[in-house]
Amino acid sequence: MKKLAILPNHPRARRWSAALIASAIALGACLLSYDNVEAQIRQNRIERLNARIENVYTADYQDMADDNLKAEKSQAAATEDDIFVKENPYGTNTTSLYVYFTTDDAVSVSYTVHADGYADFTRTAYQESQYQRTHEFQLLGLIPGKTNTITLTLTNADGDARTHTITHRGASLLGNEEVQLESTKTAETGENLGDGLYAILGNDSDEQDFMFYYDTNGVLRGEIPVLYYRSHRLLFDDDGLMWFSASTKHMVGMNRLGKLEKIYNLGSDYILHHDYALDDDGNIVMLATELNRSDNAVQDQVIKLDTTTGEVTGLLDFGEMFADYKASSTHAGTNESDSNAKNRWDWLHCNTIQLLEDGSALFSARETSTIIKVNDLESKPTLAYMIGEASVWAGTDEADSFLTKSGSFPDTGGQHSITYVTDDSLSDGQYYLYMFNNNFGTALTRPEFDWSVIDGISTEFSSDTARSQYRKYLVDENAGTYSEVSSFDVPYSPYVSSAQELDNGNILIDSGMKGLFGQYSSDGTLLSEFRMTLNTSYIYRVYSYDFQGFYFA
């Protein structure tokens, strides 16, 4: 091996050596300084974006945007030969276009968005009447940063059609999400995946949070910024509003054009988490944490938001309903909706609510791997029964409240997104209940419990062999039983995740901690699957919405 020459012991050589060392130190300092500058620039950009979105979620901004839009529209010809369009006027969907024009005859409007390198996106715009002369809608599906050719097809009641074309360069994204998701299983040609858009609910970020729409080709069709935290599902009321959570403190109602017509702050007593549902009066019942509790219990409350007045009222404190069990648990856990909170007591951890037509409700409790039915939720709530591994509750007052398992199958471990389904073929008192069974046995507040009592359950957070499941039960309240009618394995996700039965007969599964979601046939055959890059740890839920009666006809 050749040895490096030793510098001669000469003043000039020593000065050169010292200069070389100094230069190296200076270069390192410059590189370090450059990194710091880059980090500061990035942080400044994030802070500006956060402030921008905070402004969007104010009534003043929405009213100003509305006034500006009306003023611009009033100056436009807005005929079918000179269609008025404006990019994302309300700041609520980055790549959307507001479209307005009139026609001499009554027509329906459909559109196709084309951008080179991406699948076309075709929908029929929602109108109050199928055929009308005034046309105003939010157009979805533009590809960001690309030239989009939009073909509008106008069709009258006789079936006569004509077309007009608009060219528009898609807006730059605010986030860093993929425009085309990685496909890990491509659907066979002709496979019916439906016309829904996948709503990505909770690819949580430390920077700016969003809800995303992707089509069944894995192409981004909408970027909806939220304040922080996440949206958990979309609710559609009878007044044409789409409701979703925009932070732990905010529920908002957005109209079809993208304007936030209602922005409600929950106040100083509660923050929301994990789920919410519309009741028969159009109010929103949600899972919540009560703030400033002396015992620091979290994620064990149910509250109601009056969507007319914004008033918030408490409906149920599970800590009172299950006082005996709560007292038996260890004071431990974290507050998932407030990562900075310390010394939390997450003894139940509700993650789903389903409201039933008789005023009762079903809840999924992750910490106890239990499904809970409560009667008369909005008046005088009482425990109806529970489903799951009863030994978790052994020695408590509630241990005798479990339905009887009919058949031989393991109970769930940390299940998510339970969904209540009625069917005309079932007798009164029967219903189906399906869910994502994480199949993970753990509870920080019950460290002594041996989860191996549930056959096949994993107690490992990370495992190459463990599997989660789609699981469907038949619940018979008359017989006091529950039985398994369907199940199949899916990629393992110890926490979060979702399952949804689609109108095409397929089942949409989000294995959240894997960043995978896709459609399965009813027998568990994977038909199509995508992988999304995780911002932090997981994608909380993925639900499909066809948006008929909202964006689309």
Protein backbone atom coordinates (compact mmCIF):
# COMPACT_ATOMS: atom_id res chain seq x y z
CA MET A 1 0.00 0.00 0.00
CA LYS A 2 1.27 3.41 -0.91
CA LYS A 3 1.83 5.65 2.10
CA LEU A 4 0.83 9.30 2.11
CA ALA A 5 3.81 11.65 2.05
CA ILE A 6 4.51 13.50 5.25
CA LEU A 7 4.58 17.28 4.89
CA PRO A 8 8.09 18.73 5.38
CA ASN A 9 8.73 20.62 8.56
CA HIS A 10 8.97 24.00 6.85
CA PRO A 11 7.21 27.25 7.78
CA ARG A 12 5.59 27.61 4.36
CA ALA A 13 4.47 24.00 4.42
CA ARG A 14 3.12 24.45 7.93
CA ARG A 15 1.24 27.58 6.81
CA TRP A 16 -0.19 25.68 3.83
CA SER A 17 -1.24 22.83 6.07
CA ALA A 18 -2.86 25.22 8.53
CA ALA A 19 -4.66 26.97 5.68
CA LEU A 20 -5.90 23.65 4.35
CA ILE A 21 -7.27 22.68 7.76
CA ALA A 22 -8.88 26.10 8.18
CA SER A 23 -10.46 25.80 4.74
CA ALA A 24 -11.84 22.39 5.60
CA ILE A 25 -13.29 23.75 8.83
CA ALA A 26 -14.78 26.73 6.99
CA LEU A 27 -16.24 24.45 4.32
CA GLY A 28 -17.83 22.29 7.00
CA ALA A 29 -19.22 25.38 8.69
CA CYS A 30 -20.62 26.56 5.35
CA LEU A 31 -22.24 23.20 4.71
CA LEU A 32 -23.67 23.20 8.20
CA SER A 33 -24.85 26.76 7.71
CA TYR A 34 -26.38 25.80 4.36
CA ASP A 35 -28.28 22.95 5.98
CA ASN A 36 -29.53 25.30 8.67
CA VAL A 37 -30.63 27.82 6.07
CA GLU A 38 -32.43 25.10 4.11
CA ALA A 39 -34.18 23.92 7.27
CA GLN A 40 -35.18 27.47 8.16
CA ILE A 41 -36.51 28.14 4.67
CA ARG A 42 -38.55 24.96 4.87
CA GLN A 43 -39.86 25.86 8.30
CA ASN A 44 -40.81 29.35 7.13
CA ARG A 45 -42.67 27.89 4.15
CA ILE A 46 -44.57 25.50 6.42
CA GLU A 47 -45.48 28.31 8.81
CA ARG A 48 -46.72 30.47 5.93
CA LEU A 49 -48.78 27.58 4.60
CA ASN A 50 -50.22 26.85 8.04
CA ALA A 51 -51.18 30.51 8.43
CA ARG A 52 -52.73 30.54 4.97
CA ILE A 53 -54.93 27.54 5.78
CA GLU A 54 -55.87 28.99 9.16
CA ASN A 55 -57.15 32.03 7.27
CA VAL A 56 -59.11 29.85 4.83
CA TYR A 57 -60.95 28.29 7.77
CA THR A 58 -62.55 31.57 8.82
CA ALA A 59 -65.95 33.00 7.95
CA ASP A 60 -64.33 36.30 6.90
CA TYR A 61 -62.16 34.58 4.31
CA GLN A 62 -65.02 32.50 2.95
CA ASP A 63 -67.32 35.53 2.66
CA MET A 64 -64.56 37.56 0.98
CA ALA A 65 -63.91 34.73 -1.48
CA ASP A 66 -67.64 34.56 -2.20
CA ASP A 67 -67.84 38.30 -2.86
CA ASN A 68 -64.78 38.22 -5.13
CA LEU A 69 -66.18 35.29 -7.07
CA LYS A 70 -69.52 37.01 -7.60
CA ALA A 71 -67.80 40.20 -8.75
CA GLU A 72 -65.62 38.35 -11.26
CA LYS A 73 -68.52 36.27 -12.50
CA SER A 74 -70.68 39.35 -13.05
CA GLN A 75 -68.06 40.73 -15.44
CA ALA A 76 -67.81 37.55 -17.48
CA ALA A 77 -69.81 36.57 -20.55
CA ALA A 78 -70.27 33.09 -19.02
CA THR A 79 -71.84 31.55 -22.09
CA GLU A 80 -71.13 28.08 -23.38
CA ASP A 81 -68.75 29.65 -25.90
CA ASP A 82 -66.99 31.68 -23.20
CA ILE A 83 -67.19 29.59 -20.03
CA PHE A 84 -66.17 31.25 -16.77
CA VAL A 85 -63.72 29.25 -14.67
CA LYS A 86 -61.80 30.12 -11.52
CA GLU A 87 -59.21 28.03 -9.76
CA ASN A 88 -60.06 26.93 -6.20
CA PRO A 89 -61.91 30.13 -5.24
CA TYR A 90 -62.56 29.14 -1.61
CA GLY A 91 -59.11 27.66 -0.91
CA THR A 92 -60.56 24.26 -0.04
CA ASN A 93 -59.53 22.02 -2.95
CA THR A 94 -56.20 22.90 -4.53
CA THR A 95 -56.67 21.41 -8.00
CA SER A 96 -60.38 22.11 -8.43
CA LEU A 97 -62.05 24.57 -10.81
CA TYR A 98 -65.20 26.58 -10.25
CA VAL A 99 -67.25 26.50 -13.46
CA TYR A 100 -70.15 28.78 -14.41
CA PHE A 101 -72.01 29.38 -17.68
CA THR A 102 -75.49 29.57 -19.17
CA THR A 103 -77.05 27.88 -22.19
CA ASP A 104 -80.05 28.77 -24.34
CA ASP A 105 -81.49 25.29 -23.89
CA ALA A 106 -81.69 23.01 -20.86
CA VAL A 107 -78.84 20.49 -20.80
CA SER A 108 -76.93 18.18 -18.51
CA VAL A 109 -73.16 18.64 -18.22
CA SER A 110 -70.52 15.94 -18.12
CA TYR A 111 -66.79 16.46 -18.33
CA THR A 112 -63.60 14.56 -19.07
CA VAL A 113 -60.22 15.70 -17.76
CA HIS A 114 -57.26 14.57 -19.86
CA ALA A 115 -53.57 15.05 -19.08
CA ASP A 116 -50.80 13.20 -20.87
CA GLY A 117 -49.47 10.28 -18.86
CA TYR A 118 -52.53 9.88 -16.64
CA ALA A 119 -55.85 8.09 -16.90
CA ASP A 120 -58.78 10.25 -18.02
CA PHE A 121 -61.30 11.33 -15.41
CA THR A 122 -64.96 11.53 -16.46
CA ARG A 123 -67.96 12.59 -14.36
CA THR A 124 -71.38 14.17 -14.75
CA ALA A 125 -71.68 17.42 -12.82
CA TYR A 126 -74.36 17.73 -10.16
CA GLN A 127 -77.27 20.03 -10.99
CA GLU A 128 -80.51 20.59 -9.09
CA SER A 129 -82.36 19.45 -12.20
CA GLN A 130 -81.02 16.97 -14.69
CA TYR A 131 -81.45 19.50 -17.50
CA GLN A 132 -81.15 23.23 -16.87
CA ARG A 133 -79.94 26.47 -18.44
CA THR A 134 -77.70 27.75 -15.65
CA HIS A 135 -74.68 25.61 -14.83
CA GLU A 136 -72.53 26.09 -11.73
CA PHE A 137 -70.36 23.37 -10.25
CA GLN A 138 -66.99 22.41 -8.85
CA LEU A 139 -64.92 20.48 -11.36
CA LEU A 140 -62.56 17.88 -9.88
CA GLY A 141 -59.71 15.85 -11.23
CA LEU A 142 -57.12 18.21 -12.70
CA ILE A 143 -53.53 16.99 -12.66
CA PRO A 144 -51.30 19.44 -10.78
CA GLY A 145 -48.62 21.25 -12.77
CA LYS A 146 -49.76 19.69 -16.07
CA THR A 147 -51.73 20.93 -19.04
CA ASN A 148 -55.26 19.59 -18.61
CA THR A 149 -57.65 19.40 -21.54
CA ILE A 150 -61.22 19.49 -20.22
CA THR A 151 -63.97 18.42 -22.58
CA LEU A 152 -67.46 19.49 -21.51
CA THR A 153 -70.33 17.57 -23.04
CA LEU A 154 -73.75 19.25 -23.02
CA THR A 155 -76.69 16.92 -23.60
CA ASN A 156 -80.35 17.88 -23.88
CA ALA A 157 -83.39 15.78 -23.02
CA ASP A 158 -83.58 14.46 -26.60
CA GLY A 159 -80.07 13.06 -26.31
CA ASP A 160 -78.52 15.64 -28.63
CA ALA A 161 -74.98 16.44 -27.46
CA ARG A 162 -72.35 19.06 -28.21
CA THR A 163 -68.90 19.64 -26.74
CA HIS A 164 -66.67 22.50 -25.66
CA THR A 165 -63.03 22.33 -24.65
CA ILE A 166 -61.08 24.20 -21.99
CA THR A 167 -57.34 24.00 -21.47
CA HIS A 168 -56.03 24.71 -17.99
CA ARG A 169 -52.70 24.14 -16.27
CA GLY A 170 -53.31 22.39 -12.97
CA ALA A 171 -52.35 24.24 -9.79
CA SER A 172 -49.24 23.27 -7.87
CA LEU A 173 -49.90 21.10 -4.85
CA LEU A 174 -49.58 22.46 -1.34
CA GLY A 175 -48.47 19.08 0.00
CA ASN A 176 -45.93 16.50 -1.07
CA GLU A 177 -48.31 13.63 -1.87
CA GLU A 178 -47.93 11.43 -4.94
CA VAL A 179 -50.00 12.33 -7.99
CA GLN A 180 -49.84 8.71 -9.15
CA LEU A 181 -49.77 6.12 -6.38
CA GLU A 182 -47.62 3.03 -6.62
CA SER A 183 -49.74 0.07 -7.70
CA THR A 184 -48.91 -3.11 -5.80
CA LYS A 185 -51.75 -5.06 -7.45
CA THR A 186 -53.17 -3.94 -10.78
CA ALA A 187 -56.79 -4.79 -11.48
CA GLU A 188 -57.52 -7.12 -14.37
CA THR A 189 -58.92 -5.49 -17.49
CA GLY A 190 -62.66 -5.06 -17.11
CA GLU A 191 -62.63 -5.49 -13.33
CA ASN A 192 -65.42 -3.43 -11.77
CA LEU A 193 -63.85 -1.20 -9.12
CA GLY A 194 -66.77 1.24 -9.09
CA ASP A 195 -66.79 4.99 -9.66
CA GLY A 196 -65.97 6.09 -6.13
CA LEU A 197 -63.09 8.27 -5.06
CA TYR A 198 -60.86 7.01 -2.28
CA ALA A 199 -60.78 9.58 0.50
CA ILE A 200 -57.46 9.35 2.32
CA LEU A 201 -58.34 10.25 5.90
CA GLY A 202 -55.34 10.83 8.07
CA ASN A 203 -51.96 10.47 6.42
CA ASP A 204 -50.95 12.60 9.39
CA SER A 205 -48.11 15.06 8.93
CA ASP A 206 -45.90 17.15 11.20
CA GLU A 207 -46.15 19.95 8.63
CA GLN A 208 -49.55 20.56 6.96
CA ASP A 209 -52.42 18.08 7.02
CA PHE A 210 -54.75 17.23 4.15
CA MET A 211 -57.52 14.98 3.03
CA PHE A 212 -56.93 13.53 -0.45
CA TYR A 213 -59.15 12.10 -3.17
CA TYR A 214 -57.73 9.38 -5.43
CA ASP A 215 -59.56 7.59 -8.23
CA THR A 216 -59.53 3.84 -8.75
CA ASN A 217 -56.48 4.23 -11.00
CA GLY A 218 -54.55 5.66 -8.07
CA VAL A 219 -54.49 9.17 -9.57
CA LEU A 220 -54.87 12.21 -7.31
CA ARG A 221 -58.16 14.06 -7.95
CA GLY A 222 -58.38 16.38 -4.98
CA GLU A 223 -56.24 17.94 -2.23
CA ILE A 224 -58.28 19.34 0.66
CA PRO A 225 -56.19 21.12 3.31
CA VAL A 226 -57.34 20.92 6.94
CA LEU A 227 -56.14 22.89 9.93
CA TYR A 228 -54.37 20.00 11.66
CA TYR A 229 -54.99 16.45 12.92
CA ARG A 230 -57.31 14.84 10.36
CA SER A 231 -60.76 14.28 8.88
CA HIS A 232 -62.19 10.92 9.99
CA ARG A 233 -65.09 10.46 7.57
CA LEU A 234 -67.42 12.54 5.39
CA LEU A 235 -71.03 13.17 6.37
CA PHE A 236 -73.68 14.46 3.96
CA ASP A 237 -76.71 16.29 5.36
CA ASP A 238 -80.08 17.13 3.78
CA ASP A 239 -79.06 20.74 3.11
CA GLY A 240 -76.33 19.95 0.60
CA LEU A 241 -73.42 20.24 3.02
CA MET A 242 -70.53 17.83 3.45
CA TRP A 243 -69.31 17.76 7.05
CA PHE A 244 -65.84 16.77 8.23
CA SER A 245 -63.43 17.49 11.05
CA ALA A 246 -60.74 20.04 10.22
CA SER A 247 -58.85 19.76 13.53
CA THR A 248 -59.43 18.42 17.04
CA LYS A 249 -61.53 21.54 17.66
CA HIS A 250 -63.30 22.21 14.36
CA MET A 251 -66.22 20.67 12.48
CA VAL A 252 -67.05 22.29 9.16
CA GLY A 253 -69.84 22.08 6.60
CA MET A 254 -68.74 22.60 2.98
CA ASN A 255 -71.13 23.20 0.10
CA ARG A 256 -70.88 21.67 -3.37
CA LEU A 257 -68.84 24.58 -4.70
CA GLY A 258 -66.23 24.29 -1.97
CA LYS A 259 -67.37 27.14 0.27
CA LEU A 260 -67.20 26.49 4.02
CA GLU A 261 -70.69 27.58 5.00
CA LYS A 262 -70.39 26.50 8.61
CA ILE A 263 -67.25 26.53 10.75
CA TYR A 264 -67.76 25.45 14.34
CA ASN A 265 -65.24 25.49 17.17
CA LEU A 266 -66.03 22.96 19.91
CA GLY A 267 -64.98 25.38 22.64
CA SER A 268 -62.81 24.92 25.69
CA ASP A 269 -64.35 21.79 27.22
CA TYR A 270 -63.77 19.10 24.58
CA ILE A 271 -61.64 18.00 21.67
CA LEU A 272 -62.88 15.45 19.14
CA HIS A 273 -61.13 12.25 18.12
CA HIS A 274 -61.51 9.28 15.77
CA ASP A 275 -65.15 9.41 14.65
CA TYR A 276 -68.53 11.13 14.36
CA ALA A 277 -71.98 10.52 12.85
CA LEU A 278 -75.11 12.44 11.82
CA ASP A 279 -78.22 11.84 13.90
CA ASP A 280 -81.81 12.01 12.64
CA ASP A 281 -81.99 15.73 13.43
CA GLY A 282 -78.93 16.54 11.34
CA ASN A 283 -76.73 17.11 14.39
CA ILE A 284 -73.30 15.53 14.76
CA VAL A 285 -72.58 13.04 17.53
CA MET A 286 -68.87 12.55 18.06
CA LEU A 287 -66.25 10.85 20.17
CA ALA A 288 -64.44 13.28 22.42
CA THR A 289 -61.96 13.90 25.19
CA GLU A 290 -63.02 16.14 28.05
CA LEU A 291 -60.32 18.68 28.79
CA ASN A 292 -58.94 19.69 32.17
CA ARG A 293 -60.06 16.53 33.97
CA SER A 294 -58.41 15.91 37.30
CA ASP A 295 -57.91 12.21 36.46
CA ASN A 296 -56.54 12.94 32.93
CA ALA A 297 -58.87 10.36 31.36
CA VAL A 298 -59.00 10.66 27.56
CA GLN A 299 -61.04 9.37 24.61
CA ASP A 300 -64.00 8.19 26.71
CA GLN A 301 -66.68 10.84 26.09
CA VAL A 302 -69.54 11.26 23.61
CA ILE A 303 -70.76 14.75 22.74
CA LYS A 304 -73.23 16.36 20.33
CA LEU A 305 -72.74 19.38 18.09
CA ASP A 306 -75.92 21.26 17.12
CA THR A 307 -75.27 22.03 13.46
CA THR A 308 -77.70 24.96 13.53
CA THR A 309 -76.41 26.82 16.58
CA GLY A 310 -72.94 25.35 17.14
CA GLU A 311 -73.84 24.44 20.72
CA VAL A 312 -71.94 21.49 22.19
CA THR A 313 -73.48 19.21 24.84
CA GLY A 314 -72.21 16.12 26.58
CA LEU A 315 -74.15 12.90 26.02
CA LEU A 316 -72.19 10.12 27.70
CA ASP A 317 -69.23 9.70 30.01
CA PHE A 318 -68.10 6.10 29.65
CA GLY A 319 -66.09 6.59 32.83
CA GLU A 320 -69.38 6.85 34.71
CA MET A 321 -71.08 4.02 32.81
CA PHE A 322 -68.10 1.72 33.36
CA ALA A 323 -66.85 3.12 36.67
CA ASP A 324 -65.98 -0.32 38.05
CA TYR A 325 -63.91 -1.33 35.03
CA LYS A 326 -62.21 2.06 34.79
CA ALA A 327 -61.17 1.85 38.42
CA SER A 328 -59.63 -1.58 37.80
CA SER A 329 -57.38 -0.31 35.01
CA THR A 330 -53.87 1.12 35.28
CA HIS A 331 -53.42 4.86 34.83
CA ALA A 332 -51.53 4.80 31.52
CA GLY A 333 -51.72 5.61 27.86
CA THR A 334 -51.43 8.58 25.54
CA ASN A 335 -53.88 10.96 23.95
CA GLU A 336 -53.76 10.20 20.24
CA SER A 337 -55.41 13.51 19.35
CA ASP A 338 -52.96 15.50 21.49
CA SER A 339 -49.46 14.07 21.19
CA ASN A 340 -48.04 16.64 23.62
CA ALA A 341 -50.34 15.61 26.47
CA LYS A 342 -48.69 13.82 29.40
CA ASN A 343 -49.87 11.42 32.07
CA ARG A 344 -53.02 10.43 30.12
CA TRP A 345 -55.43 7.66 31.15
CA ASP A 346 -56.57 6.00 27.93
CA TRP A 347 -58.52 3.21 29.58
CA LEU A 348 -61.15 2.62 26.83
CA HIS A 349 -60.04 4.36 23.61
CA CYS A 350 -63.22 4.45 21.54
CA ASN A 351 -62.44 4.62 17.83
CA THR A 352 -65.79 4.23 16.04
CA ILE A 353 -69.41 5.27 16.53
CA GLN A 354 -72.41 3.97 14.62
CA LEU A 355 -75.84 5.52 15.25
CA LEU A 356 -78.83 3.21 14.84
CA GLU A 357 -82.33 4.19 13.78
CA ASP A 358 -83.86 3.40 17.20
CA GLY A 359 -81.68 5.93 19.02
CA SER A 360 -79.09 3.40 20.18
CA ALA A 361 -75.43 3.39 19.18
CA LEU A 362 -72.56 0.97 18.68
CA PHE A 363 -69.03 1.81 19.76
CA SER A 364 -65.67 0.17 19.15
CA ALA A 365 -63.28 0.28 22.11
CA ARG A 366 -59.71 -0.48 21.06
CA GLU A 367 -58.12 -0.68 24.52
CA THR A 368 -60.49 -3.45 25.65
CA SER A 369 -61.04 -5.05 22.21
CA THR A 370 -64.77 -4.69 22.87
CA ILE A 371 -67.80 -3.65 20.83
CA ILE A 372 -70.35 -1.84 22.98
CA LYS A 373 -74.04 -1.16 22.36
CA VAL A 374 -75.66 1.73 24.24
CA ASN A 375 -79.42 2.36 24.28
CA ASP A 376 -81.03 5.81 24.21
CA LEU A 377 -77.73 7.57 23.62
CA GLU A 378 -79.15 11.09 23.31
CA SER A 379 -81.60 10.86 26.23
CA LYS A 380 -80.78 8.43 29.06
CA PRO A 381 -77.92 6.20 27.90
CA THR A 382 -77.77 2.68 29.31
CA LEU A 383 -75.60 -0.30 28.46
CA ALA A 384 -77.39 -2.79 26.22
CA TYR A 385 -74.65 -5.39 25.75
CA MET A 386 -71.07 -5.96 24.65
CA ILE A 387 -69.32 -8.20 22.12
CA GLY A 388 -65.79 -9.53 22.43
CA GLU A 389 -63.47 -11.35 24.80
CA ALA A 390 -65.40 -11.23 28.09
CA SER A 391 -62.42 -12.19 30.26
CA VAL A 392 -60.94 -8.72 29.66
CA TRP A 393 -63.75 -7.45 31.92
CA ALA A 394 -63.57 -10.31 34.46
CA GLY A 395 -64.30 -9.28 38.04
CA THR A 396 -66.13 -6.08 37.09
CA ASP A 397 -69.81 -5.17 37.16
CA GLU A 398 -69.95 -5.32 33.37
CA ALA A 399 -68.59 -8.86 32.95
CA ASP A 400 -72.09 -10.35 32.58
CA SER A 401 -73.11 -7.97 29.78
CA PHE A 402 -71.61 -9.93 26.88
CA LEU A 403 -73.52 -11.64 24.10
CA THR A 404 -72.81 -15.34 23.65
CA LYS A 405 -70.51 -16.41 20.85
CA SER A 406 -72.23 -18.85 18.46
CA GLY A 407 -69.63 -20.97 16.72
CA SER A 408 -65.89 -21.47 16.96
CA PHE A 409 -63.87 -18.41 15.97
CA PRO A 410 -61.48 -16.07 17.80
CA ASP A 411 -62.61 -12.68 19.03
CA THR A 412 -61.09 -9.46 17.77
CA GLY A 413 -58.01 -7.64 18.99
CA GLY A 414 -58.07 -3.83 18.87
CA GLN A 415 -60.68 -3.67 16.08
CA HIS A 416 -61.38 -0.50 14.07
CA SER A 417 -64.11 0.98 11.82
CA ILE A 418 -66.99 -1.25 12.92
CA THR A 419 -69.95 -0.78 10.57
CA TYR A 420 -73.62 -1.59 11.19
CA VAL A 421 -75.56 -3.07 8.26
CA THR A 422 -79.25 -3.91 8.00
CA ASP A 423 -80.67 -6.36 5.48
CA ASP A 424 -84.28 -7.04 4.46
CA SER A 425 -83.57 -10.77 4.64
CA LEU A 426 -82.91 -10.57 8.39
CA SER A 427 -85.47 -10.86 11.14
CA ASP A 428 -86.19 -8.05 13.56
CA GLY A 429 -83.43 -7.85 16.14
CA GLN A 430 -80.77 -9.10 13.73
CA TYR A 431 -78.09 -7.11 11.93
CA TYR A 432 -74.66 -7.50 10.38
CA LEU A 433 -71.55 -5.89 11.83
CA TYR A 434 -68.27 -5.82 9.94
CA MET A 435 -64.90 -4.35 10.87
CA PHE A 436 -61.15 -4.27 10.43
CA ASN A 437 -59.81 -6.70 13.02
CA ASN A 438 -56.29 -5.54 13.76
CA ASN A 439 -55.69 -8.83 15.57
CA PHE A 440 -53.30 -7.13 17.97
CA GLY A 441 -53.52 -7.90 21.68
CA THR A 442 -52.25 -5.12 23.89
CA ALA A 443 -53.49 -2.68 26.51
CA LEU A 444 -51.24 -0.28 28.40
CA THR A 445 -53.94 0.07 31.02
CA ARG A 446 -54.18 -3.72 31.49
CA PRO A 447 -50.53 -4.81 31.47
CA GLU A 448 -51.28 -8.03 33.37
CA PHE A 449 -53.84 -9.36 30.90
CA ASP A 450 -52.78 -12.39 28.85
CA TRP A 451 -54.04 -11.75 25.32
CA SER A 452 -53.11 -15.26 24.18
CA VAL A 453 -56.57 -16.28 25.44
CA ILE A 454 -57.69 -15.11 21.97
CA ASP A 455 -56.59 -17.81 19.53
CA GLY A 456 -54.18 -16.61 16.85
CA ILE A 457 -53.84 -13.07 18.15
CA SER A 458 -50.51 -11.28 17.79
CA THR A 459 -48.91 -9.49 20.71
CA GLU A 460 -46.07 -8.16 18.56
CA PHE A 461 -46.18 -4.61 17.27
CA SER A 462 -43.96 -5.58 14.37
CA SER A 463 -44.31 -9.04 12.87
CA ASP A 464 -43.55 -10.67 9.52
CA THR A 465 -46.05 -13.46 10.11
CA ALA A 466 -49.01 -11.79 11.82
CA ARG A 467 -52.13 -10.96 9.80
CA SER A 468 -55.07 -8.67 10.40
CA GLN A 469 -58.54 -9.57 9.12
CA TYR A 470 -61.72 -8.33 7.60
CA ARG A 471 -64.40 -9.72 9.91
CA LYS A 472 -68.21 -9.80 9.60
CA TYR A 473 -70.66 -10.88 12.30
CA LEU A 474 -74.35 -11.68 12.39
CA VAL A 475 -75.73 -10.27 15.63
CA ASP A 476 -78.98 -11.76 16.92
CA GLU A 477 -80.28 -9.66 19.78
CA ASN A 478 -83.27 -11.92 20.31
CA ALA A 479 -81.07 -14.96 20.88
CA GLY A 480 -78.34 -12.93 22.58
CA THR A 481 -75.68 -14.26 20.22
CA TYR A 482 -73.16 -13.23 17.59
CA SER A 483 -71.67 -15.46 14.90
CA GLU A 484 -69.06 -15.06 12.20
CA VAL A 485 -70.40 -15.05 8.65
CA SER A 486 -67.28 -13.96 6.77
CA SER A 487 -63.59 -13.26 7.31
CA PHE A 488 -60.30 -13.19 5.43
CA ASP A 489 -56.72 -12.16 6.13
CA VAL A 490 -55.27 -8.79 5.12
CA PRO A 491 -51.86 -7.13 5.67
CA TYR A 492 -51.08 -6.70 9.35
CA SER A 493 -51.65 -3.32 10.96
CA PRO A 494 -51.57 -3.39 14.77
CA TYR A 495 -53.26 0.02 15.01
CA VAL A 496 -55.64 2.23 12.97
CA SER A 497 -57.03 0.94 9.60
CA SER A 498 -60.49 0.48 8.08
CA ALA A 499 -62.85 -1.78 6.17
CA GLN A 500 -65.74 -0.76 3.93
CA GLU A 501 -68.21 -2.86 1.96
CA LEU A 502 -68.73 -1.21 -1.44
CA ASP A 503 -71.81 -1.11 -3.66
CA ASN A 504 -70.04 -3.23 -6.29
CA GLY A 505 -69.79 -6.10 -3.81
CA ASN A 506 -66.09 -5.61 -3.13
CA ILE A 507 -64.51 -4.73 0.21
CA LEU A 508 -62.12 -1.80 0.58
CA ILE A 509 -59.36 -2.43 3.11
CA ASP A 510 -56.88 0.09 4.49
CA SER A 511 -53.98 -1.55 6.32
CA GLY A 512 -52.97 1.79 7.75
CA MET A 513 -49.55 1.13 9.20
CA LYS A 514 -48.46 -0.51 5.96
CA GLY A 515 -49.65 2.42 3.85
CA LEU A 516 -51.61 -0.07 1.74
CA PHE A 517 -55.23 0.09 0.62
CA GLY A 518 -57.16 -1.84 -1.97
CA GLN A 519 -60.27 -3.69 -3.02
CA TYR A 520 -60.90 -7.35 -2.27
CA SER A 521 -63.61 -9.64 -3.56
CA SER A 522 -66.05 -11.05 -1.01
CA ASP A 523 -63.95 -14.24 -0.79
CA GLY A 524 -60.81 -12.30 0.09
CA THR A 525 -59.13 -12.20 -3.33
CA LEU A 526 -57.07 -9.05 -3.73
CA LEU A 527 -58.25 -7.22 -6.87
CA SER A 528 -56.44 -3.89 -6.75
CA GLU A 529 -54.05 -2.29 -4.28
CA PHE A 530 -52.03 0.89 -3.90
CA ARG A 531 -49.22 1.99 -1.63
CA MET A 532 -49.03 5.56 -0.36
CA THR A 533 -45.92 7.08 1.15
CA LEU A 534 -46.46 7.67 4.86
CA ASN A 535 -45.84 11.16 6.21
CA THR A 536 -45.28 9.79 9.70
CA SER A 537 -46.66 6.46 10.88
CA TYR A 538 -49.91 5.49 9.17
CA ILE A 539 -53.00 6.27 7.12
CA TYR A 540 -55.86 6.33 9.61
CA ARG A 541 -58.71 5.42 7.25
CA VAL A 542 -59.55 5.10 3.57
CA TYR A 543 -63.23 5.26 2.62
CA SER A 544 -64.72 5.37 -0.86
CA TYR A 545 -67.39 7.96 -1.73
CA ASP A 546 -69.24 8.27 -5.04
CA PHE A 547 -70.21 11.89 -4.21
CA GLN A 548 -73.50 11.48 -6.07
CA GLY A 549 -75.80 14.36 -5.20
CA PHE A 550 -72.82 16.44 -4.10
CA TYR A 551 -70.10 16.90 -6.71
CA PHE A 552 -71.60 14.52 -9.23
CA ALA A 553 -75.00 13.59 -10.62
